[in-house]
Amino acid sequence: MRERWAIRKLNNMLGDLNQKIQQTNDDDKIQINIELKDSMIYIYNKETSMYLAHGATKDVVESMLLEKFPGKKFAASTEDLLKLTP
């Protein structure tokens, strides 16, 4: 009887911990849209459509994003990422 209670309690605690970890990861992540226009790369916040950065190369855009938003992670759709491959 006690063992079942302990197992249930541990499972609940682990579930809560996993939820907190996921929420923390989501707080550090910005969903982005990538647009190509006139051989320039433009990055927008997917949720707000706010302009974030632009540049001629992927490296320039990445460094601009990291400088403007330290500690954040950026996520784009596979379709958008394929736009950046030659």
PDB file of N, CA and C in Angstrom:
ATOM      1  N   MET A   1       0.823  -1.186   0.000  1.00  0.00           N
ATOM      2  CA  MET A   1       0.000   0.000   0.000  1.00  0.00           C
ATOM      3  C   MET A   1       0.876   1.262   0.000  1.00  0.00           C
ATOM      4  N   ARG A   2       1.864   1.327   0.898  1.00  0.00           N
ATOM      5  CA  ARG A   2       2.747   2.486   0.952  1.00  0.00           C
ATOM      6  C   ARG A   2       3.555   2.629  -0.331  1.00  0.00           C
ATOM      7  N   GLU A   3       3.964   1.486  -0.886  1.00  0.00           N
ATOM      8  CA  GLU A   3       4.770   1.520  -2.098  1.00  0.00           C
ATOM      9  C   GLU A   3       3.985   2.156  -3.240  1.00  0.00           C
ATOM     10  N   ARG A   4       2.721   1.814  -3.368  1.00  0.00           N
ATOM     11  CA  ARG A   4       1.883   2.398  -4.424  1.00  0.00           C
ATOM     12  C   ARG A   4       1.746   3.902  -4.236  1.00  0.00           C
ATOM     13  N   TRP A   5       1.553   4.306  -3.005  1.00  0.00           N
ATOM     14  CA  TRP A   5       1.443   5.731  -2.716  1.00  0.00           C
ATOM     15  C   TRP A   5       2.739   6.449  -3.083  1.00  0.00           C
ATOM     16  N   ALA A   6       3.882   5.846  -2.716  1.00  0.00           N
ATOM     17  CA  ALA A   6       5.189   6.446  -3.000  1.00  0.00           C
ATOM     18  C   ALA A   6       5.421   6.537  -4.510  1.00  0.00           C
ATOM     19  N   ILE A   7       5.051   5.502  -5.230  1.00  0.00           N
ATOM     20  CA  ILE A   7       5.204   5.508  -6.688  1.00  0.00           C
ATOM     21  C   ILE A   7       4.342   6.599  -7.312  1.00  0.00           C
ATOM     22  N   ARG A   8       3.089   6.701  -6.861  1.00  0.00           N
ATOM     23  CA  ARG A   8       2.188   7.750  -7.373  1.00  0.00           C
ATOM     24  C   ARG A   8       2.744   9.134  -7.064  1.00  0.00           C
ATOM     25  N   LYS A   9       3.241   9.307  -5.861  1.00  0.00           N
ATOM     26  CA  LYS A   9       3.798  10.597  -5.447  1.00  0.00           C
ATOM     27  C   LYS A   9       5.005  10.959  -6.308  1.00  0.00           C
ATOM     28  N   LEU A  10       5.914  10.005  -6.522  1.00  0.00           N
ATOM     29  CA  LEU A  10       7.088  10.250  -7.358  1.00  0.00           C
ATOM     30  C   LEU A  10       6.696  10.564  -8.800  1.00  0.00           C
ATOM     31  N   ASN A  11       5.735   9.836  -9.341  1.00  0.00           N
ATOM     32  CA  ASN A  11       5.275  10.092 -10.709  1.00  0.00           C
ATOM     33  C   ASN A  11       4.690  11.492 -10.834  1.00  0.00           C
ATOM     34  N   ASN A  12       3.929  11.917  -9.824  1.00  0.00           N
ATOM     35  CA  ASN A  12       3.369  13.274  -9.841  1.00  0.00           C
ATOM     36  C   ASN A  12       4.470  14.322  -9.785  1.00  0.00           C
ATOM     37  N   MET A  13       5.462  14.072  -8.926  1.00  0.00           N
ATOM     38  CA  MET A  13       6.572  15.020  -8.803  1.00  0.00           C
ATOM     39  C   MET A  13       7.356  15.104 -10.107  1.00  0.00           C
ATOM     40  N   LEU A  14       7.613  13.967 -10.742  1.00  0.00           N
ATOM     41  CA  LEU A  14       8.339  13.947 -12.010  1.00  0.00           C
ATOM     42  C   LEU A  14       7.544  14.647 -13.106  1.00  0.00           C
ATOM     43  N   GLY A  15       6.228  14.421 -13.102  1.00  0.00           N
ATOM     44  CA  GLY A  15       5.378  15.090 -14.084  1.00  0.00           C
ATOM     45  C   GLY A  15       5.428  16.596 -13.920  1.00  0.00           C
ATOM     46  N   ASP A  16       5.366  17.081 -12.689  1.00  0.00           N
ATOM     47  CA  ASP A  16       5.448  18.515 -12.414  1.00  0.00           C
ATOM     48  C   ASP A  16       6.799  19.076 -12.843  1.00  0.00           C
ATOM     49  N   LEU A  17       7.863  18.324 -12.548  1.00  0.00           N
ATOM     50  CA  LEU A  17       9.210  18.761 -12.909  1.00  0.00           C
ATOM     51  C   LEU A  17       9.361  18.853 -14.427  1.00  0.00           C
ATOM     52  N   ASN A  18       8.868  17.856 -15.149  1.00  0.00           N
ATOM     53  CA  ASN A  18       8.936  17.874 -16.609  1.00  0.00           C
ATOM     54  C   ASN A  18       8.163  19.057 -17.178  1.00  0.00           C
ATOM     55  N   GLN A  19       7.027  19.375 -16.581  1.00  0.00           N
ATOM     56  CA  GLN A  19       6.228  20.506 -17.023  1.00  0.00           C
ATOM     57  C   GLN A  19       6.992  21.816 -16.825  1.00  0.00           C
ATOM     58  N   LYS A  20       7.654  21.963 -15.683  1.00  0.00           N
ATOM     59  CA  LYS A  20       8.422  23.174 -15.409  1.00  0.00           C
ATOM     60  C   LYS A  20       9.600  23.305 -16.369  1.00  0.00           C
ATOM     61  N   ILE A  21      10.270  22.198 -16.654  1.00  0.00           N
ATOM     62  CA  ILE A  21      11.404  22.217 -17.584  1.00  0.00           C
ATOM     63  C   ILE A  21      10.930  22.629 -18.971  1.00  0.00           C
ATOM     64  N   GLN A  22       9.830  22.067 -19.434  1.00  0.00           N
ATOM     65  CA  GLN A  22       9.288  22.400 -20.744  1.00  0.00           C
ATOM     66  C   GLN A  22       8.916  23.878 -20.811  1.00  0.00           C
ATOM     67  N   GLN A  23       8.295  24.386 -19.758  1.00  0.00           N
ATOM     68  CA  GLN A  23       7.892  25.787 -19.721  1.00  0.00           C
ATOM     69  C   GLN A  23       9.119  26.696 -19.768  1.00  0.00           C
ATOM     70  N   THR A  24      10.172  26.338 -19.057  1.00  0.00           N
ATOM     71  CA  THR A  24      11.405  27.118 -19.077  1.00  0.00           C
ATOM     72  C   THR A  24      12.003  27.122 -20.472  1.00  0.00           C
ATOM     73  N   ASN A  25      12.028  25.971 -21.124  1.00  0.00           N
ATOM     74  CA  ASN A  25      12.554  25.894 -22.486  1.00  0.00           C
ATOM     75  C   ASN A  25      11.736  26.751 -23.436  1.00  0.00           C
ATOM     76  N   ASP A  26      10.424  26.751 -23.283  1.00  0.00           N
ATOM     77  CA  ASP A  26       9.558  27.540 -24.148  1.00  0.00           C
ATOM     78  C   ASP A  26       9.743  29.032 -23.908  1.00  0.00           C
ATOM     79  N   ASP A  27      10.035  29.437 -22.674  1.00  0.00           N
ATOM     80  CA  ASP A  27      10.245  30.846 -22.364  1.00  0.00           C
ATOM     81  C   ASP A  27      11.499  31.392 -23.050  1.00  0.00           C
ATOM     82  N   ASP A  28      12.476  30.542 -23.290  1.00  0.00           N
ATOM     83  CA  ASP A  28      13.728  30.959 -23.911  1.00  0.00           C
ATOM     84  C   ASP A  28      13.707  30.843 -25.434  1.00  0.00           C
ATOM     85  N   LYS A  29      12.591  30.398 -26.002  1.00  0.00           N
ATOM     86  CA  LYS A  29      12.516  30.133 -27.431  1.00  0.00           C
ATOM     87  C   LYS A  29      11.633  31.162 -28.127  1.00  0.00           C
ATOM     88  N   ILE A  30      12.108  31.658 -29.269  1.00  0.00           N
ATOM     89  CA  ILE A  30      11.333  32.569 -30.096  1.00  0.00           C
ATOM     90  C   ILE A  30      11.069  31.878 -31.430  1.00  0.00           C
ATOM     91  N   GLN A  31       9.808  31.731 -31.778  1.00  0.00           N
ATOM     92  CA  GLN A  31       9.435  31.172 -33.076  1.00  0.00           C
ATOM     93  C   GLN A  31       9.621  32.260 -34.133  1.00  0.00           C
ATOM     94  N   ILE A  32      10.291  31.909 -35.245  1.00  0.00           N
ATOM     95  CA  ILE A  32      10.568  32.907 -36.270  1.00  0.00           C
ATOM     96  C   ILE A  32      10.078  32.472 -37.646  1.00  0.00           C
ATOM     97  N   ASN A  33       9.842  33.475 -38.485  1.00  0.00           N
ATOM     98  CA  ASN A  33       9.594  33.282 -39.912  1.00  0.00           C
ATOM     99  C   ASN A  33      10.797  33.833 -40.655  1.00  0.00           C
ATOM    100  N   ILE A  34      11.157  33.165 -41.732  1.00  0.00           N
ATOM    101  CA  ILE A  34      12.286  33.588 -42.550  1.00  0.00           C
ATOM    102  C   ILE A  34      11.763  33.954 -43.934  1.00  0.00           C
ATOM    103  N   GLU A  35      12.147  35.136 -44.405  1.00  0.00           N
ATOM    104  CA  GLU A  35      11.755  35.571 -45.746  1.00  0.00           C
ATOM    105  C   GLU A  35      12.996  35.940 -46.535  1.00  0.00           C
ATOM    106  N   LEU A  36      13.002  35.604 -47.810  1.00  0.00           N
ATOM    107  CA  LEU A  36      14.084  35.988 -48.708  1.00  0.00           C
ATOM    108  C   LEU A  36      13.537  36.999 -49.707  1.00  0.00           C
ATOM    109  N   LYS A  37      14.189  38.165 -49.779  1.00  0.00           N
ATOM    110  CA  LYS A  37      13.795  39.204 -50.733  1.00  0.00           C
ATOM    111  C   LYS A  37      15.052  39.878 -51.249  1.00  0.00           C
ATOM    112  N   ASP A  38      15.189  39.936 -52.566  1.00  0.00           N
ATOM    113  CA  ASP A  38      16.327  40.614 -53.191  1.00  0.00           C
ATOM    114  C   ASP A  38      17.653  40.159 -52.587  1.00  0.00           C
ATOM    115  N   SER A  39      17.834  38.876 -52.490  1.00  0.00           N
ATOM    116  CA  SER A  39      19.041  38.222 -51.953  1.00  0.00           C
ATOM    117  C   SER A  39      19.377  38.647 -50.522  1.00  0.00           C
ATOM    118  N   MET A  40      18.386  39.090 -49.777  1.00  0.00           N
ATOM    119  CA  MET A  40      18.547  39.412 -48.355  1.00  0.00           C
ATOM    120  C   MET A  40      17.651  38.477 -47.547  1.00  0.00           C
ATOM    121  N   ILE A  41      18.094  38.160 -46.336  1.00  0.00           N
ATOM    122  CA  ILE A  41      17.333  37.309 -45.421  1.00  0.00           C
ATOM    123  C   ILE A  41      16.700  38.212 -44.370  1.00  0.00           C
ATOM    124  N   TYR A  42      15.395  38.094 -44.214  1.00  0.00           N
ATOM    125  CA  TYR A  42      14.671  38.869 -43.201  1.00  0.00           C
ATOM    126  C   TYR A  42      14.065  37.908 -42.186  1.00  0.00           C
ATOM    127  N   ILE A  43      14.192  38.220 -40.911  1.00  0.00           N
ATOM    128  CA  ILE A  43      13.673  37.378 -39.841  1.00  0.00           C
ATOM    129  C   ILE A  43      12.604  38.152 -39.080  1.00  0.00           C
ATOM    130  N   TYR A  44      11.457  37.482 -38.880  1.00  0.00           N
ATOM    131  CA  TYR A  44      10.337  38.077 -38.155  1.00  0.00           C
ATOM    132  C   TYR A  44       9.889  37.152 -37.025  1.00  0.00           C
ATOM    133  N   ASN A  45       9.390  37.715 -35.952  1.00  0.00           N
ATOM    134  CA  ASN A  45       8.782  36.937 -34.878  1.00  0.00           C
ATOM    135  C   ASN A  45       7.486  36.348 -35.413  1.00  0.00           C
ATOM    136  N   LYS A  46       7.349  35.046 -35.331  1.00  0.00           N
ATOM    137  CA  LYS A  46       6.181  34.371 -35.906  1.00  0.00           C
ATOM    138  C   LYS A  46       4.890  34.767 -35.201  1.00  0.00           C
ATOM    139  N   GLU A  47       4.942  34.990 -33.904  1.00  0.00           N
ATOM    140  CA  GLU A  47       3.728  35.298 -33.144  1.00  0.00           C
ATOM    141  C   GLU A  47       3.279  36.740 -33.322  1.00  0.00           C
ATOM    142  N   THR A  48       4.239  37.670 -33.406  1.00  0.00           N
ATOM    143  CA  THR A  48       3.883  39.090 -33.440  1.00  0.00           C
ATOM    144  C   THR A  48       4.122  39.750 -34.797  1.00  0.00           C
ATOM    145  N   SER A  49       4.798  39.054 -35.707  1.00  0.00           N
ATOM    146  CA  SER A  49       5.195  39.581 -37.025  1.00  0.00           C
ATOM    147  C   SER A  49       6.179  40.749 -36.906  1.00  0.00           C
ATOM    148  N   MET A  50       6.765  40.924 -35.732  1.00  0.00           N
ATOM    149  CA  MET A  50       7.731  41.999 -35.518  1.00  0.00           C
ATOM    150  C   MET A  50       9.062  41.659 -36.197  1.00  0.00           C
ATOM    151  N   TYR A  51       9.654  42.654 -36.856  1.00  0.00           N
ATOM    152  CA  TYR A  51      10.958  42.502 -37.487  1.00  0.00           C
ATOM    153  C   TYR A  51      12.007  42.241 -36.409  1.00  0.00           C
ATOM    154  N   LEU A  52      12.904  41.268 -36.661  1.00  0.00           N
ATOM    155  CA  LEU A  52      13.962  40.960 -35.702  1.00  0.00           C
ATOM    156  C   LEU A  52      15.350  41.241 -36.252  1.00  0.00           C
ATOM    157  N   ALA A  53      15.592  40.869 -37.518  1.00  0.00           N
ATOM    158  CA  ALA A  53      16.934  41.028 -38.075  1.00  0.00           C
ATOM    159  C   ALA A  53      16.910  40.830 -39.587  1.00  0.00           C
ATOM    160  N   HIS A  54      17.993  41.257 -40.223  1.00  0.00           N
ATOM    161  CA  HIS A  54      18.171  40.979 -41.655  1.00  0.00           C
ATOM    162  C   HIS A  54      19.663  40.940 -41.962  1.00  0.00           C
ATOM    163  N   GLY A  55      19.987  40.310 -43.087  1.00  0.00           N
ATOM    164  CA  GLY A  55      21.373  40.242 -43.504  1.00  0.00           C
ATOM    165  C   GLY A  55      21.506  39.522 -44.821  1.00  0.00           C
ATOM    166  N   ALA A  56      22.682  39.615 -45.400  1.00  0.00           N
ATOM    167  CA  ALA A  56      22.926  38.983 -46.694  1.00  0.00           C
ATOM    168  C   ALA A  56      23.213  37.497 -46.561  1.00  0.00           C
ATOM    169  N   THR A  57      23.717  37.073 -45.396  1.00  0.00           N
ATOM    170  CA  THR A  57      24.031  35.656 -45.193  1.00  0.00           C
ATOM    171  C   THR A  57      23.418  35.152 -43.893  1.00  0.00           C
ATOM    172  N   LYS A  58      23.336  33.843 -43.817  1.00  0.00           N
ATOM    173  CA  LYS A  58      22.809  33.202 -42.609  1.00  0.00           C
ATOM    174  C   LYS A  58      23.665  33.556 -41.393  1.00  0.00           C
ATOM    175  N   ASP A  59      24.974  33.586 -41.567  1.00  0.00           N
ATOM    176  CA  ASP A  59      25.879  33.898 -40.452  1.00  0.00           C
ATOM    177  C   ASP A  59      25.661  35.310 -39.912  1.00  0.00           C
ATOM    178  N   VAL A  60      25.442  36.258 -40.803  1.00  0.00           N
ATOM    179  CA  VAL A  60      25.200  37.641 -40.386  1.00  0.00           C
ATOM    180  C   VAL A  60      23.903  37.726 -39.592  1.00  0.00           C
ATOM    181  N   VAL A  61      22.869  37.058 -40.086  1.00  0.00           N
ATOM    182  CA  VAL A  61      21.567  37.073 -39.403  1.00  0.00           C
ATOM    183  C   VAL A  61      21.674  36.408 -38.036  1.00  0.00           C
ATOM    184  N   GLU A  62      22.361  35.276 -37.980  1.00  0.00           N
ATOM    185  CA  GLU A  62      22.529  34.578 -36.696  1.00  0.00           C
ATOM    186  C   GLU A  62      23.251  35.447 -35.676  1.00  0.00           C
ATOM    187  N   SER A  63      24.334  36.090 -36.084  1.00  0.00           N
ATOM    188  CA  SER A  63      25.076  36.920 -35.135  1.00  0.00           C
ATOM    189  C   SER A  63      24.255  38.125 -34.690  1.00  0.00           C
ATOM    190  N   MET A  64      23.453  38.679 -35.600  1.00  0.00           N
ATOM    191  CA  MET A  64      22.598  39.807 -35.254  1.00  0.00           C
ATOM    192  C   MET A  64      21.542  39.382 -34.222  1.00  0.00           C
ATOM    193  N   LEU A  65      20.946  38.215 -34.429  1.00  0.00           N
ATOM    194  CA  LEU A  65      19.935  37.710 -33.484  1.00  0.00           C
ATOM    195  C   LEU A  65      20.546  37.430 -32.116  1.00  0.00           C
ATOM    196  N   LEU A  66      21.720  36.819 -32.099  1.00  0.00           N
ATOM    197  CA  LEU A  66      22.377  36.505 -30.829  1.00  0.00           C
ATOM    198  C   LEU A  66      22.778  37.768 -30.079  1.00  0.00           C
ATOM    199  N   GLU A  67      23.149  38.797 -30.822  1.00  0.00           N
ATOM    200  CA  GLU A  67      23.526  40.064 -30.190  1.00  0.00           C
ATOM    201  C   GLU A  67      22.300  40.775 -29.618  1.00  0.00           C
ATOM    202  N   LYS A  68      21.208  40.774 -30.370  1.00  0.00           N
ATOM    203  CA  LYS A  68      19.982  41.463 -29.932  1.00  0.00           C
ATOM    204  C   LYS A  68      19.243  40.716 -28.825  1.00  0.00           C
ATOM    205  N   PHE A  69      19.325  39.372 -28.855  1.00  0.00           N
ATOM    206  CA  PHE A  69      18.553  38.552 -27.927  1.00  0.00           C
ATOM    207  C   PHE A  69      19.453  37.508 -27.250  1.00  0.00           C
ATOM    208  N   PRO A  70      20.363  37.946 -26.374  1.00  0.00           N
ATOM    209  CA  PRO A  70      21.268  36.989 -25.724  1.00  0.00           C
ATOM    210  C   PRO A  70      20.494  35.990 -24.861  1.00  0.00           C
ATOM    211  N   GLY A  71      20.898  34.741 -24.944  1.00  0.00           N
ATOM    212  CA  GLY A  71      20.284  33.699 -24.130  1.00  0.00           C
ATOM    213  C   GLY A  71      19.021  33.104 -24.726  1.00  0.00           C
ATOM    214  N   LYS A  72      18.548  33.642 -25.829  1.00  0.00           N
ATOM    215  CA  LYS A  72      17.331  33.123 -26.462  1.00  0.00           C
ATOM    216  C   LYS A  72      17.697  32.095 -27.518  1.00  0.00           C
ATOM    217  N   LYS A  73      16.742  31.211 -27.789  1.00  0.00           N
ATOM    218  CA  LYS A  73      16.880  30.227 -28.853  1.00  0.00           C
ATOM    219  C   LYS A  73      15.823  30.547 -29.892  1.00  0.00           C
ATOM    220  N   PHE A  74      16.114  30.222 -31.134  1.00  0.00           N
ATOM    221  CA  PHE A  74      15.208  30.541 -32.223  1.00  0.00           C
ATOM    222  C   PHE A  74      14.787  29.264 -32.927  1.00  0.00           C
ATOM    223  N   ALA A  75      13.502  29.190 -33.255  1.00  0.00           N
ATOM    224  CA  ALA A  75      12.963  28.005 -33.907  1.00  0.00           C
ATOM    225  C   ALA A  75      12.212  28.424 -35.159  1.00  0.00           C
ATOM    226  N   ALA A  76      12.525  27.754 -36.261  1.00  0.00           N
ATOM    227  CA  ALA A  76      11.859  28.024 -37.534  1.00  0.00           C
ATOM    228  C   ALA A  76      11.343  26.714 -38.095  1.00  0.00           C
ATOM    229  N   SER A  77      10.366  26.813 -38.962  1.00  0.00           N
ATOM    230  CA  SER A  77       9.832  25.610 -39.590  1.00  0.00           C
ATOM    231  C   SER A  77      10.875  25.027 -40.543  1.00  0.00           C
ATOM    232  N   THR A  78      10.733  23.764 -40.853  1.00  0.00           N
ATOM    233  CA  THR A  78      11.635  23.104 -41.799  1.00  0.00           C
ATOM    234  C   THR A  78      11.578  23.810 -43.143  1.00  0.00           C
ATOM    235  N   GLU A  79      10.378  24.198 -43.543  1.00  0.00           N
ATOM    236  CA  GLU A  79      10.197  24.906 -44.821  1.00  0.00           C
ATOM    237  C   GLU A  79      11.013  26.205 -44.850  1.00  0.00           C
ATOM    238  N   ASP A  80      10.962  26.964 -43.764  1.00  0.00           N
ATOM    239  CA  ASP A  80      11.729  28.210 -43.698  1.00  0.00           C
ATOM    240  C   ASP A  80      13.235  27.943 -43.689  1.00  0.00           C
ATOM    241  N   LEU A  81      13.668  26.925 -42.970  1.00  0.00           N
ATOM    242  CA  LEU A  81      15.099  26.609 -42.914  1.00  0.00           C
ATOM    243  C   LEU A  81      15.624  26.169 -44.275  1.00  0.00           C
ATOM    244  N   LEU A  82      14.794  25.497 -45.051  1.00  0.00           N
ATOM    245  CA  LEU A  82      15.214  25.074 -46.383  1.00  0.00           C
ATOM    246  C   LEU A  82      15.455  26.262 -47.305  1.00  0.00           C
ATOM    247  N   LYS A  83      14.850  27.387 -47.020  1.00  0.00           N
ATOM    248  CA  LYS A  83      15.081  28.600 -47.817  1.00  0.00           C
ATOM    249  C   LYS A  83      16.546  29.048 -47.703  1.00  0.00           C
ATOM    250  N   LEU A  84      17.205  28.682 -46.628  1.00  0.00           N
ATOM    251  CA  LEU A  84      18.570  29.128 -46.387  1.00  0.00           C
ATOM    252  C   LEU A  84      19.632  28.201 -46.977  1.00  0.00           C
ATOM    253  N   THR A  85      19.194  27.077 -47.531  1.00  0.00           N
ATOM    254  CA  THR A  85      20.161  26.154 -48.129  1.00  0.00           C
ATOM    255  C   THR A  85      20.311  26.460 -49.613  1.00  0.00           C
ATOM    256  N   PRO A  86      21.558  26.480 -50.094  1.00  0.00           N
ATOM    257  CA  PRO A  86      21.772  26.808 -51.508  1.00  0.00           C
ATOM    258  C   PRO A  86      21.288  25.729 -52.454  1.00  0.00           C
TER     259      PRO A  86
END
